[in-house]
Amino acid sequence: MEAYCFKCRDKREIQAPQQVTLKNGRPATQGVCPVCGTKVFRIGKS
């Protein structure tokens, strides 16, 4: 699954993805950018 990295300004494959649930109950995926190490986040089911 890919997410947009704001530091690299490009779409990157999510490294170490974790399924999380937002306060409103929507599913999301959180992980780390493999290039710069910044947290990346994508809303929606994977």
N, C-alpha and C. Protein backbone atom coordinates (compact mmCIF):
# COMPACT_ATOMS: atom_id res chain seq x y z
N MET A 1 0.84 -1.18 0.00
CA MET A 1 0.00 0.00 0.00
C MET A 1 0.89 1.24 0.00
N GLU A 2 0.46 2.24 -0.75
CA GLU A 2 1.23 3.47 -0.85
C GLU A 2 0.56 4.60 -0.10
N ALA A 3 1.37 5.53 0.38
CA ALA A 3 0.89 6.74 1.02
C ALA A 3 1.77 7.90 0.58
N TYR A 4 1.25 9.11 0.63
CA TYR A 4 2.00 10.29 0.22
C TYR A 4 2.90 10.74 1.36
N CYS A 5 4.21 10.87 1.08
CA CYS A 5 5.16 11.38 2.07
C CYS A 5 5.32 12.87 1.84
N PHE A 6 5.00 13.68 2.84
CA PHE A 6 5.07 15.13 2.69
C PHE A 6 6.51 15.64 2.69
N LYS A 7 7.42 14.90 3.29
CA LYS A 7 8.82 15.32 3.31
C LYS A 7 9.49 15.04 1.96
N CYS A 8 9.24 13.86 1.39
CA CYS A 8 9.80 13.50 0.08
C CYS A 8 8.99 14.10 -1.08
N ARG A 9 7.74 14.47 -0.79
CA ARG A 9 6.80 14.97 -1.79
C ARG A 9 6.59 13.95 -2.92
N ASP A 10 6.38 12.70 -2.52
CA ASP A 10 6.16 11.63 -3.48
C ASP A 10 5.40 10.50 -2.80
N LYS A 11 4.76 9.64 -3.59
CA LYS A 11 4.08 8.47 -3.03
C LYS A 11 5.14 7.40 -2.76
N ARG A 12 5.06 6.82 -1.59
CA ARG A 12 6.01 5.78 -1.17
C ARG A 12 5.26 4.57 -0.62
N GLU A 13 5.87 3.41 -0.73
CA GLU A 13 5.32 2.19 -0.15
C GLU A 13 5.43 2.31 1.37
N ILE A 14 4.37 1.95 2.09
CA ILE A 14 4.37 2.07 3.55
C ILE A 14 5.21 0.94 4.15
N GLN A 15 6.18 1.32 4.97
CA GLN A 15 7.02 0.35 5.66
C GLN A 15 6.46 0.17 7.08
N ALA A 16 6.39 -1.04 7.56
CA ALA A 16 5.86 -1.39 8.89
C ALA A 16 4.43 -0.86 9.05
N PRO A 17 3.51 -1.26 8.16
CA PRO A 17 2.14 -0.74 8.25
C PRO A 17 1.38 -1.28 9.46
N GLN A 18 0.56 -0.42 10.05
CA GLN A 18 -0.28 -0.80 11.19
C GLN A 18 -1.69 -0.32 10.91
N GLN A 19 -2.66 -1.17 11.17
CA GLN A 19 -4.06 -0.80 11.02
C GLN A 19 -4.48 -0.02 12.26
N VAL A 20 -5.06 1.16 12.06
CA VAL A 20 -5.54 1.98 13.16
C VAL A 20 -6.98 2.39 12.87
N THR A 21 -7.70 2.80 13.89
CA THR A 21 -9.07 3.29 13.74
C THR A 21 -9.12 4.72 14.25
N LEU A 22 -9.68 5.59 13.43
CA LEU A 22 -9.82 6.99 13.82
C LEU A 22 -10.93 7.15 14.84
N LYS A 23 -11.00 8.33 15.45
CA LYS A 23 -12.02 8.60 16.47
C LYS A 23 -13.43 8.41 15.94
N ASN A 24 -13.63 8.73 14.66
CA ASN A 24 -14.97 8.61 14.08
C ASN A 24 -15.27 7.19 13.59
N GLY A 25 -14.35 6.25 13.81
CA GLY A 25 -14.58 4.86 13.45
C GLY A 25 -14.07 4.44 12.09
N ARG A 26 -13.52 5.36 11.32
CA ARG A 26 -13.00 5.01 9.99
C ARG A 26 -11.67 4.30 10.11
N PRO A 27 -11.42 3.31 9.26
CA PRO A 27 -10.13 2.61 9.29
C PRO A 27 -9.04 3.43 8.59
N ALA A 28 -7.79 3.23 9.01
CA ALA A 28 -6.66 3.92 8.40
C ALA A 28 -5.42 3.05 8.55
N THR A 29 -4.38 3.39 7.81
CA THR A 29 -3.11 2.68 7.88
C THR A 29 -2.01 3.68 8.19
N GLN A 30 -1.17 3.35 9.13
CA GLN A 30 -0.08 4.22 9.55
C GLN A 30 1.22 3.45 9.43
N GLY A 31 2.29 4.13 9.02
CA GLY A 31 3.58 3.47 8.89
C GLY A 31 4.70 4.48 8.76
N VAL A 32 5.80 4.05 8.13
CA VAL A 32 7.00 4.86 8.02
C VAL A 32 7.44 4.90 6.55
N CYS A 33 7.94 6.05 6.12
CA CYS A 33 8.49 6.19 4.77
C CYS A 33 9.84 5.47 4.73
N PRO A 34 10.07 4.57 3.76
CA PRO A 34 11.33 3.83 3.71
C PRO A 34 12.53 4.69 3.31
N VAL A 35 12.30 5.84 2.70
CA VAL A 35 13.40 6.69 2.24
C VAL A 35 13.89 7.65 3.33
N CYS A 36 12.94 8.41 3.94
CA CYS A 36 13.35 9.45 4.89
C CYS A 36 13.01 9.12 6.35
N GLY A 37 12.16 8.11 6.58
CA GLY A 37 11.84 7.72 7.95
C GLY A 37 10.71 8.51 8.59
N THR A 38 10.04 9.37 7.82
CA THR A 38 8.93 10.16 8.34
C THR A 38 7.68 9.29 8.44
N LYS A 39 6.79 9.62 9.41
CA LYS A 39 5.54 8.90 9.54
C LYS A 39 4.65 9.22 8.34
N VAL A 40 4.04 8.18 7.75
CA VAL A 40 3.08 8.38 6.69
C VAL A 40 1.75 7.77 7.12
N PHE A 41 0.66 8.27 6.56
CA PHE A 41 -0.67 7.93 7.02
C PHE A 41 -1.62 7.90 5.84
N ARG A 42 -2.48 6.89 5.79
CA ARG A 42 -3.47 6.81 4.72
C ARG A 42 -4.81 6.40 5.30
N ILE A 43 -5.83 7.19 5.00
CA ILE A 43 -7.18 6.89 5.47
C ILE A 43 -7.84 5.94 4.48
N GLY A 44 -8.54 4.95 5.00
CA GLY A 44 -9.24 4.00 4.15
C GLY A 44 -8.75 2.59 4.41
N LYS A 45 -9.56 1.63 4.01
CA LYS A 45 -9.24 0.23 4.22
C LYS A 45 -8.15 -0.21 3.25
N SER A 46 -7.22 -1.03 3.72
CA SER A 46 -6.13 -1.47 2.85
C SER A 46 -6.46 -2.74 2.12
